[in-house]
Amino acid sequence: MEIFQQHSTVWLLGLALALLATGLVAGVLAGLLGVGGGIVIVPVLYHLFTLLGIDESVRMHVTVGTSLATIVPTSIMSSRAHRQRGSLDMSLIRRLMPWVVIGVLVGSVASRFLSGLSLTAVFASVALVVAINMAFKRDGFALRDGLPGTLGTAAIGSGIGGVSTLMGIGGGTLSVPILNALRVPMHTAVGTGAMLGMVISIPGAVAFLLNGLDVPLRPPFSLGYVNLLGMAIIVPATLLTTGWGAKLAHRIDARRLRQVFAAFLALTAIRMFYGLLT
């Protein structure tokens, strides 16, 4: 509680409004681009926890755990919305799901042994790659038609699950561009990514909650590595706007929005790298 007492009421109100705005934007992007709100929530939470003076040893762990927890209801709502519009490919999901779950389990175990700096480096590295892909991806680019054989599918699914868990993001951030490169239609890739986000976020959030029990220096109102206060503000906002994003996904060309968001993501990654080096 001392952390909050160090700041004025106006400053704390600004913090709450920033979390609320983060949730609103994350919900829209989750439905619109299928990227999962975590790709917005993680950098914002990380910077807010930095401003609050949360110890570096737990800062990124709490950021990732809280992000995964907020994605649970968002991904459920987004999946339902896309299912109603026929944008889920259940055959793809059935093939990928077991490997995604294995990846989540591996990522959850690995997070117990990784330092906060290591988690930050993982997020910044993958975020920069995602940003470059979003900004410069050529329409119509494809690696092949459909998922590869068992080994290839295992590598794709476990990679999506493991990396997404370590980053605190929904699976859509990685699965949408990958599925799109396998000639899966964009709307179907977005809907399928939302469903995979649910598969990743539920066990991932539980794992971070359990891993952080009794760990010192966590911010107030934290259960394990999940900050309940941040979650309480962000989740209602994401639930409010996820459906809007799903509707927009079927009405607009999101290319320009992808480029703007890619710039935000790249700047965030560069800022994190700078923090790691200084």
Protein backbone atom coordinates (compact mmCIF):
# COMPACT_ATOMS: atom_id res chain seq x y z
CA MET A 1 0.00 0.00 0.00
CA GLU A 2 2.97 2.33 0.53
CA ILE A 3 3.42 2.41 -3.23
CA PHE A 4 0.03 4.09 -3.70
CA GLN A 5 0.53 6.45 -0.74
CA GLN A 6 3.56 7.93 -2.46
CA HIS A 7 1.37 9.38 -5.23
CA SER A 8 -1.39 11.98 -5.30
CA THR A 9 -5.06 11.18 -5.88
CA VAL A 10 -4.91 12.85 -9.30
CA TRP A 11 -1.91 10.70 -10.29
CA LEU A 12 -3.68 7.51 -9.20
CA LEU A 13 -6.81 8.58 -11.10
CA GLY A 14 -4.66 9.01 -14.18
CA LEU A 15 -3.28 5.51 -13.62
CA ALA A 16 -6.80 4.06 -13.44
CA LEU A 17 -7.83 5.92 -16.62
CA ALA A 18 -4.72 4.61 -18.40
CA LEU A 19 -5.65 1.04 -17.44
CA LEU A 20 -9.23 1.62 -18.58
CA ALA A 21 -8.09 3.00 -21.94
CA THR A 22 -5.70 0.07 -22.31
CA GLY A 23 -8.57 -2.37 -21.83
CA LEU A 24 -10.76 -0.57 -24.37
CA VAL A 25 -8.04 -0.58 -27.04
CA ALA A 26 -7.01 -4.17 -26.24
CA GLY A 27 -10.58 -5.38 -26.67
CA VAL A 28 -10.98 -3.74 -30.07
CA LEU A 29 -7.67 -5.10 -31.34
CA ALA A 30 -8.43 -8.58 -30.00
CA GLY A 31 -11.60 -8.72 -32.05
CA LEU A 32 -10.37 -6.76 -35.07
CA LEU A 33 -6.91 -8.21 -35.70
CA GLY A 34 -7.06 -11.39 -33.65
CA VAL A 35 -3.76 -10.39 -32.05
CA GLY A 36 -4.92 -10.85 -28.46
CA GLY A 37 -5.17 -7.91 -26.11
CA GLY A 38 -1.95 -8.93 -24.37
CA ILE A 39 0.20 -7.37 -27.06
CA VAL A 40 -1.23 -4.00 -25.91
CA ILE A 41 -1.66 -4.81 -22.22
CA VAL A 42 1.89 -6.09 -21.59
CA PRO A 43 3.83 -2.96 -22.65
CA VAL A 44 1.37 -0.61 -20.91
CA LEU A 45 1.35 -2.60 -17.66
CA TYR A 46 5.13 -2.88 -17.78
CA HIS A 47 5.55 0.89 -18.04
CA LEU A 48 2.91 1.56 -15.35
CA PHE A 49 4.58 -0.87 -12.95
CA THR A 50 7.88 0.87 -13.71
CA LEU A 51 6.35 4.24 -12.81
CA LEU A 52 5.00 2.73 -9.59
CA GLY A 53 8.48 1.53 -8.68
CA ILE A 54 7.68 -2.20 -8.70
CA ASP A 55 10.88 -4.18 -8.22
CA GLU A 56 12.52 -5.28 -11.46
CA SER A 57 12.80 -8.89 -10.25
CA VAL A 58 9.01 -9.36 -10.33
CA ARG A 59 7.84 -6.55 -12.63
CA MET A 60 7.71 -8.53 -15.86
CA HIS A 61 6.37 -11.68 -14.18
CA VAL A 62 3.40 -9.75 -12.74
CA THR A 63 2.91 -8.01 -16.08
CA VAL A 64 2.76 -11.32 -17.97
CA GLY A 65 0.58 -13.08 -15.38
CA THR A 66 -1.91 -10.21 -15.22
CA SER A 67 -2.06 -9.98 -19.00
CA LEU A 68 -2.78 -13.71 -19.38
CA ALA A 69 -5.56 -13.44 -16.77
CA THR A 70 -7.22 -10.54 -18.61
CA ILE A 71 -7.08 -12.47 -21.90
CA VAL A 72 -9.22 -15.33 -20.53
CA PRO A 73 -12.61 -13.54 -20.71
CA THR A 74 -11.58 -11.55 -23.77
CA SER A 75 -10.66 -14.64 -25.78
CA ILE A 76 -13.88 -16.40 -24.74
CA MET A 77 -15.98 -13.45 -25.92
CA SER A 78 -13.97 -13.04 -29.12
CA SER A 79 -14.22 -16.77 -29.91
CA ARG A 80 -17.99 -16.72 -29.45
CA ALA A 81 -18.33 -13.65 -31.67
CA HIS A 82 -16.24 -15.18 -34.46
CA ARG A 83 -18.02 -18.53 -34.15
CA GLN A 84 -21.35 -16.81 -34.73
CA ARG A 85 -19.89 -15.42 -37.95
CA GLY A 86 -18.52 -18.80 -39.05
CA SER A 87 -14.87 -17.78 -38.70
CA LEU A 88 -13.63 -20.79 -36.71
CA ASP A 89 -11.90 -23.70 -38.43
CA MET A 90 -12.40 -26.51 -35.92
CA SER A 91 -10.26 -28.96 -37.89
CA LEU A 92 -7.29 -26.59 -37.59
CA ILE A 93 -7.98 -26.06 -33.90
CA ARG A 94 -8.18 -29.80 -33.20
CA ARG A 95 -4.83 -30.38 -34.92
CA LEU A 96 -3.06 -27.51 -33.18
CA MET A 97 -4.62 -27.60 -29.70
CA PRO A 98 -2.69 -30.54 -28.15
CA TRP A 99 0.64 -29.05 -29.22
CA VAL A 100 -0.35 -25.56 -28.10
CA VAL A 101 -1.18 -26.92 -24.62
CA ILE A 102 2.20 -28.69 -24.47
CA GLY A 103 3.88 -25.42 -25.40
CA VAL A 104 1.97 -23.58 -22.65
CA LEU A 105 3.10 -26.13 -20.06
CA VAL A 106 6.73 -25.85 -21.17
CA GLY A 107 6.55 -22.05 -21.17
CA SER A 108 4.94 -22.01 -17.71
CA VAL A 109 7.70 -24.19 -16.26
CA ALA A 110 10.40 -22.13 -17.98
CA SER A 111 8.98 -18.88 -16.55
CA ARG A 112 9.78 -20.09 -13.02
CA PHE A 113 13.48 -20.13 -13.84
CA LEU A 114 13.71 -17.02 -16.04
CA SER A 115 14.57 -13.65 -14.53
CA GLY A 116 12.46 -10.56 -15.13
CA LEU A 117 15.11 -9.26 -17.52
CA SER A 118 14.97 -12.50 -19.51
CA LEU A 119 11.18 -12.29 -19.86
CA THR A 120 11.51 -8.67 -20.97
CA ALA A 121 14.07 -9.68 -23.59
CA VAL A 122 11.75 -12.44 -24.88
CA PHE A 123 8.84 -10.02 -25.22
CA ALA A 124 10.90 -7.27 -26.86
CA SER A 125 12.51 -9.65 -29.36
CA VAL A 126 9.29 -11.32 -30.51
CA ALA A 127 7.35 -8.02 -30.45
CA LEU A 128 9.89 -6.47 -32.82
CA VAL A 129 9.56 -9.41 -35.23
CA VAL A 130 5.76 -9.21 -35.07
CA ALA A 131 5.89 -5.45 -35.70
CA ILE A 132 8.09 -5.87 -38.79
CA ASN A 133 5.78 -8.60 -40.10
CA MET A 134 2.71 -6.43 -39.54
CA ALA A 135 4.24 -3.38 -41.19
CA PHE A 136 5.80 -4.98 -44.26
CA LYS A 137 3.95 -8.24 -44.89
CA ARG A 138 2.99 -8.55 -48.55
CA ASP A 139 -0.60 -9.43 -49.32
CA GLY A 140 -0.87 -12.87 -50.85
CA PHE A 141 2.42 -14.14 -49.40
CA ALA A 142 2.20 -17.86 -48.56
CA LEU A 143 4.57 -20.59 -47.43
CA ARG A 144 2.33 -23.51 -48.42
CA ASP A 145 -1.30 -24.65 -48.49
CA GLY A 146 -2.49 -25.78 -45.05
CA LEU A 147 -0.67 -27.17 -42.04
CA PRO A 148 2.39 -29.39 -42.62
CA GLY A 149 2.75 -32.96 -41.31
CA THR A 150 2.72 -34.04 -37.68
CA LEU A 151 6.23 -32.81 -36.84
CA GLY A 152 5.69 -29.45 -38.50
CA THR A 153 2.31 -28.99 -36.82
CA ALA A 154 3.86 -29.94 -33.47
CA ALA A 155 6.58 -27.32 -33.93
CA ILE A 156 4.08 -24.63 -34.91
CA GLY A 157 1.61 -25.39 -32.12
CA SER A 158 4.13 -25.80 -29.31
CA GLY A 159 6.03 -22.73 -30.47
CA ILE A 160 2.88 -20.61 -30.45
CA GLY A 161 1.89 -21.90 -27.00
CA GLY A 162 5.31 -21.60 -25.39
CA VAL A 163 6.32 -18.18 -26.71
CA SER A 164 2.84 -16.70 -26.16
CA THR A 165 2.88 -17.84 -22.52
CA LEU A 166 6.30 -16.29 -21.88
CA MET A 167 5.13 -13.05 -23.52
CA GLY A 168 1.74 -12.90 -21.79
CA ILE A 169 -0.16 -12.64 -25.06
CA GLY A 170 -3.01 -14.43 -26.77
CA GLY A 171 -2.06 -16.95 -29.42
CA GLY A 172 -3.45 -14.78 -32.20
CA THR A 173 -0.38 -12.55 -32.27
CA LEU A 174 1.67 -15.44 -33.61
CA SER A 175 -0.98 -17.77 -35.02
CA VAL A 176 -2.75 -15.26 -37.28
CA PRO A 177 0.31 -14.40 -39.44
CA ILE A 178 1.39 -18.06 -39.45
CA LEU A 179 -2.04 -19.35 -40.48
CA ASN A 180 -2.35 -16.58 -43.05
CA ALA A 181 0.99 -17.66 -44.53
CA LEU A 182 -0.49 -21.18 -44.81
CA ARG A 183 -3.26 -19.75 -47.03
CA VAL A 184 -5.89 -19.80 -44.29
CA PRO A 185 -8.32 -16.93 -45.10
CA MET A 186 -7.71 -13.87 -42.91
CA HIS A 187 -11.11 -13.91 -41.20
CA THR A 188 -10.74 -17.61 -40.40
CA ALA A 189 -7.18 -17.06 -39.12
CA VAL A 190 -8.41 -14.28 -36.83
CA GLY A 191 -11.25 -16.39 -35.43
CA THR A 192 -9.02 -19.44 -34.98
CA GLY A 193 -6.40 -17.26 -33.28
CA ALA A 194 -9.00 -16.06 -30.80
CA MET A 195 -9.85 -19.65 -29.88
CA LEU A 196 -6.17 -20.53 -29.45
CA GLY A 197 -5.84 -17.48 -27.19
CA MET A 198 -8.37 -19.09 -24.86
CA VAL A 199 -6.42 -22.36 -24.90
CA ILE A 200 -3.23 -20.48 -23.99
CA SER A 201 -4.51 -17.95 -21.46
CA ILE A 202 -6.43 -20.23 -19.08
CA PRO A 203 -3.61 -22.66 -18.12
CA GLY A 204 -1.03 -19.90 -18.52
CA ALA A 205 -2.78 -17.57 -16.06
CA VAL A 206 -3.24 -20.39 -13.53
CA ALA A 207 0.46 -21.28 -13.81
CA PHE A 208 1.62 -17.69 -13.21
CA LEU A 209 -0.79 -17.37 -10.29
CA LEU A 210 0.65 -20.49 -8.65
CA ASN A 211 4.28 -19.67 -9.51
CA GLY A 212 4.04 -16.29 -7.79
CA LEU A 213 2.48 -17.34 -4.49
CA ASP A 214 4.55 -16.08 -1.53
CA VAL A 215 7.06 -14.34 -3.82
CA PRO A 216 8.12 -11.04 -2.17
CA LEU A 217 8.10 -7.51 -3.65
CA ARG A 218 4.93 -7.99 -5.72
CA PRO A 219 2.61 -4.97 -6.08
CA PRO A 220 -0.39 -4.66 -3.72
CA PHE A 221 -3.56 -6.60 -4.55
CA SER A 222 -1.65 -9.39 -6.28
CA LEU A 223 -2.55 -13.08 -6.16
CA GLY A 224 0.56 -14.87 -7.25
CA TYR A 225 1.82 -13.04 -10.32
CA VAL A 226 -1.70 -11.81 -11.18
CA ASN A 227 -2.50 -8.25 -10.10
CA LEU A 228 -6.19 -8.25 -9.24
CA LEU A 229 -6.55 -4.45 -9.27
CA GLY A 230 -5.22 -4.11 -12.80
CA MET A 231 -7.33 -7.05 -13.92
CA ALA A 232 -10.48 -5.56 -12.34
CA ILE A 233 -10.08 -2.36 -14.36
CA ILE A 234 -8.93 -3.85 -17.67
CA VAL A 235 -11.30 -6.83 -18.03
CA PRO A 236 -14.66 -4.94 -18.10
CA ALA A 237 -13.24 -2.58 -20.72
CA THR A 238 -12.01 -5.41 -22.95
CA LEU A 239 -15.33 -7.25 -22.67
CA LEU A 240 -17.12 -4.07 -23.72
CA THR A 241 -15.15 -3.60 -26.93
CA THR A 242 -14.13 -7.10 -28.09
CA GLY A 243 -17.46 -7.62 -29.86
CA TRP A 244 -17.06 -4.27 -31.61
CA GLY A 245 -13.66 -5.32 -32.90
CA ALA A 246 -15.02 -8.62 -34.23
CA LYS A 247 -17.75 -6.75 -36.13
CA LEU A 248 -15.23 -4.28 -37.55
CA ALA A 249 -13.05 -7.17 -38.73
CA HIS A 250 -15.76 -8.10 -41.20
CA ARG A 251 -16.34 -4.54 -42.42
CA ILE A 252 -13.02 -2.76 -42.88
CA ASP A 253 -9.58 -3.24 -44.36
CA ALA A 254 -7.33 -3.36 -41.30
CA ARG A 255 -4.07 -2.86 -43.24
CA ARG A 256 -3.56 0.76 -42.19
CA LEU A 257 -4.42 -0.03 -38.59
CA ARG A 258 -1.90 -2.88 -38.64
CA GLN A 259 0.82 -0.46 -39.73
CA VAL A 260 0.01 2.06 -37.00
CA PHE A 261 -0.06 -0.67 -34.38
CA ALA A 262 3.21 -2.08 -35.73
CA ALA A 263 4.85 1.30 -35.13
CA PHE A 264 3.60 1.32 -31.54
CA LEU A 265 4.87 -2.21 -31.00
CA ALA A 266 8.28 -1.47 -32.51
CA LEU A 267 8.73 1.61 -30.32
CA THR A 268 7.77 -0.42 -27.25
CA ALA A 269 10.29 -3.14 -28.13
CA ILE A 270 13.04 -0.58 -28.71
CA ARG A 271 12.23 1.11 -25.38
CA MET A 272 12.46 -2.26 -23.60
CA PHE A 273 15.79 -3.05 -25.26
CA TYR A 274 17.08 0.37 -24.19
CA GLY A 275 16.01 -0.37 -20.62
CA LEU A 276 17.84 -3.70 -20.71
CA LEU A 277 21.06 -2.08 -21.90
CA THR A 278 21.10 0.85 -19.47
